[in-house]
Protein backbone atom coordinates (compact mmCIF):
# COMPACT_ATOMS: atom_id res chain seq x y z
CA MET A 1 -10.48 22.83 15.65
CA MET A 2 -11.80 19.66 13.72
CA ARG A 3 -8.75 19.72 11.92
CA ASN A 4 -6.38 19.99 14.80
CA LEU A 5 -8.53 16.82 16.24
CA LEU A 6 -7.83 14.90 12.85
CA THR A 7 -4.40 15.98 12.98
CA THR A 8 -3.73 14.80 16.52
CA LEU A 9 -5.80 11.44 16.21
CA PHE A 10 -4.69 10.23 13.04
CA ALA A 11 -0.98 11.43 12.18
CA PHE A 12 -1.61 9.48 8.90
CA LEU A 13 -4.48 9.00 6.73
CA LEU A 14 -4.36 6.17 4.01
CA PHE A 15 -6.65 6.46 0.72
CA LEU A 16 -6.36 3.46 -1.79
CA SER A 17 -8.48 1.89 -4.53
CA ALA A 18 -7.89 -1.98 -5.04
CA ALA A 19 -4.84 -2.91 -6.06
CA ARG A 20 -4.44 -6.18 -8.86
CA ALA A 21 -1.46 -8.84 -8.76
CA GLY A 22 -0.51 -10.79 -12.06
CA ASP A 23 -1.98 -8.85 -15.05
CA GLY A 24 -4.69 -7.04 -13.84
CA GLY A 25 -7.10 -8.34 -16.11
CA PRO A 26 -10.61 -10.06 -14.79
CA GLY A 27 -10.46 -12.47 -11.93
CA ALA A 28 -7.08 -11.61 -11.11
CA PRO A 29 -6.17 -11.80 -7.42
CA VAL A 30 -6.48 -8.38 -5.64
CA ILE A 31 -4.19 -7.39 -2.95
CA LYS A 32 -5.69 -5.73 -0.14
CA ALA A 33 -3.91 -2.89 1.55
CA TYR A 34 -5.69 -2.05 5.60
CA PRO A 35 -6.30 -0.07 7.33
CA ASN A 36 -7.37 3.02 6.77
CA PRO A 37 -6.93 5.38 8.59
CA THR A 38 -3.35 4.41 9.50
CA THR A 39 -0.93 5.82 11.88
CA GLY A 40 2.05 4.92 9.03
CA VAL A 41 2.00 1.35 9.12
CA PHE A 42 -0.58 -0.62 6.94
CA TYR A 43 -0.64 -4.37 5.94
CA CYS A 44 -0.47 -5.71 2.19
CA GLN A 45 -1.69 -9.16 1.70
CA LEU A 46 -1.96 -11.76 -1.33
CA PRO A 47 -5.12 -13.37 -1.31
CA ALA A 48 -5.01 -17.42 -0.92
CA GLY A 49 -4.24 -18.86 -4.52
CA ALA A 50 -2.12 -16.70 -5.79
CA SER A 51 0.73 -18.41 -7.49
CA LYS A 52 3.19 -15.73 -9.05
CA GLN A 53 6.00 -13.23 -7.47
CA VAL A 54 4.29 -9.59 -6.35
CA LEU A 55 6.38 -6.48 -6.60
CA LEU A 56 5.06 -3.54 -4.23
CA GLU A 57 6.69 -0.23 -4.20
CA ILE A 58 6.02 2.64 -2.36
CA TYR A 59 6.91 6.32 -4.02
CA SER A 60 7.26 9.43 -2.76
CA PRO A 61 5.01 12.69 -4.06
CA VAL A 62 8.51 13.27 -6.54
CA GLY A 63 8.76 10.09 -7.27
CA ALA A 64 11.10 8.41 -5.64
CA LEU A 65 11.75 4.56 -4.43
CA VAL A 66 10.51 4.87 -1.02
CA GLN A 67 10.52 1.16 -0.32
CA ARG A 68 10.45 -2.00 -2.26
CA ARG A 69 8.90 -5.68 -1.09
CA THR A 70 8.67 -8.78 -3.31
CA LEU A 71 5.84 -11.25 -1.93
CA GLU A 72 6.10 -14.41 -2.95
CA GLY A 73 2.91 -16.32 -4.47
CA SER A 74 4.11 -19.45 -1.58
CA SER A 75 3.12 -16.43 0.76
CA ALA A 76 -0.32 -16.22 -0.28
CA GLY A 77 -2.65 -15.33 2.73
CA ALA A 78 0.52 -13.88 4.37
CA LYS A 79 0.19 -10.48 5.78
CA VAL A 80 3.57 -7.97 5.05
CA THR A 81 3.66 -5.18 7.29
CA ILE A 82 4.71 -1.85 5.27
CA ASP A 83 6.13 1.12 7.50
CA LEU A 84 6.04 5.33 6.59
CA ARG A 85 6.58 6.25 10.02
CA ASN A 86 9.99 7.42 9.13
CA GLN A 87 9.22 9.21 6.01
CA PRO A 88 7.65 12.67 6.11
CA LYS A 89 3.91 13.45 5.61
CA GLY A 90 2.77 13.79 2.35
CA LEU A 91 1.22 12.43 -0.85
CA TYR A 92 2.81 8.32 -1.36
CA TYR A 93 1.67 6.33 -4.57
CA LEU A 94 1.60 2.23 -3.76
CA ARG A 95 2.73 0.64 -7.19
CA VAL A 96 1.81 -3.22 -7.64
CA ASN A 97 3.51 -4.96 -10.02
CA GLY A 98 4.42 -2.28 -12.72
CA HIS A 99 0.52 -1.41 -13.12
CA LYS A 100 -0.90 2.14 -13.09
CA ALA A 101 0.60 3.90 -9.94
CA VAL A 102 -2.04 3.80 -7.00
CA PRO A 103 -2.32 6.90 -4.22
CA VAL A 104 -1.37 6.45 -1.03
CA VAL A 105 -1.98 10.07 0.82
CA ILE A 106 -0.16 10.74 4.00
CA ILE A 107 -1.68 13.86 6.19
């Protein structure tokens, strides 16, 4: 019963940990991705002060590239919309600048 209710209310849930731009070292700017839970659309935002290009890639569970977005340092603080509503429900991965993939779960 509860599972059906949650499925009805939230067709998509987004679970991801903080991803860092740049070299990923201490003090690297953090990319924000929200909301959680999501209805299939979520937002990625560069922090103010980011100075380089950041590549965001979304991968399917089988490793197929679903979406690729480039954020310019000049757009720091700007919000980029990522829409996965046209994708099947399942597990997706958000990759930032070639760093390790960060899981994005869409239930």
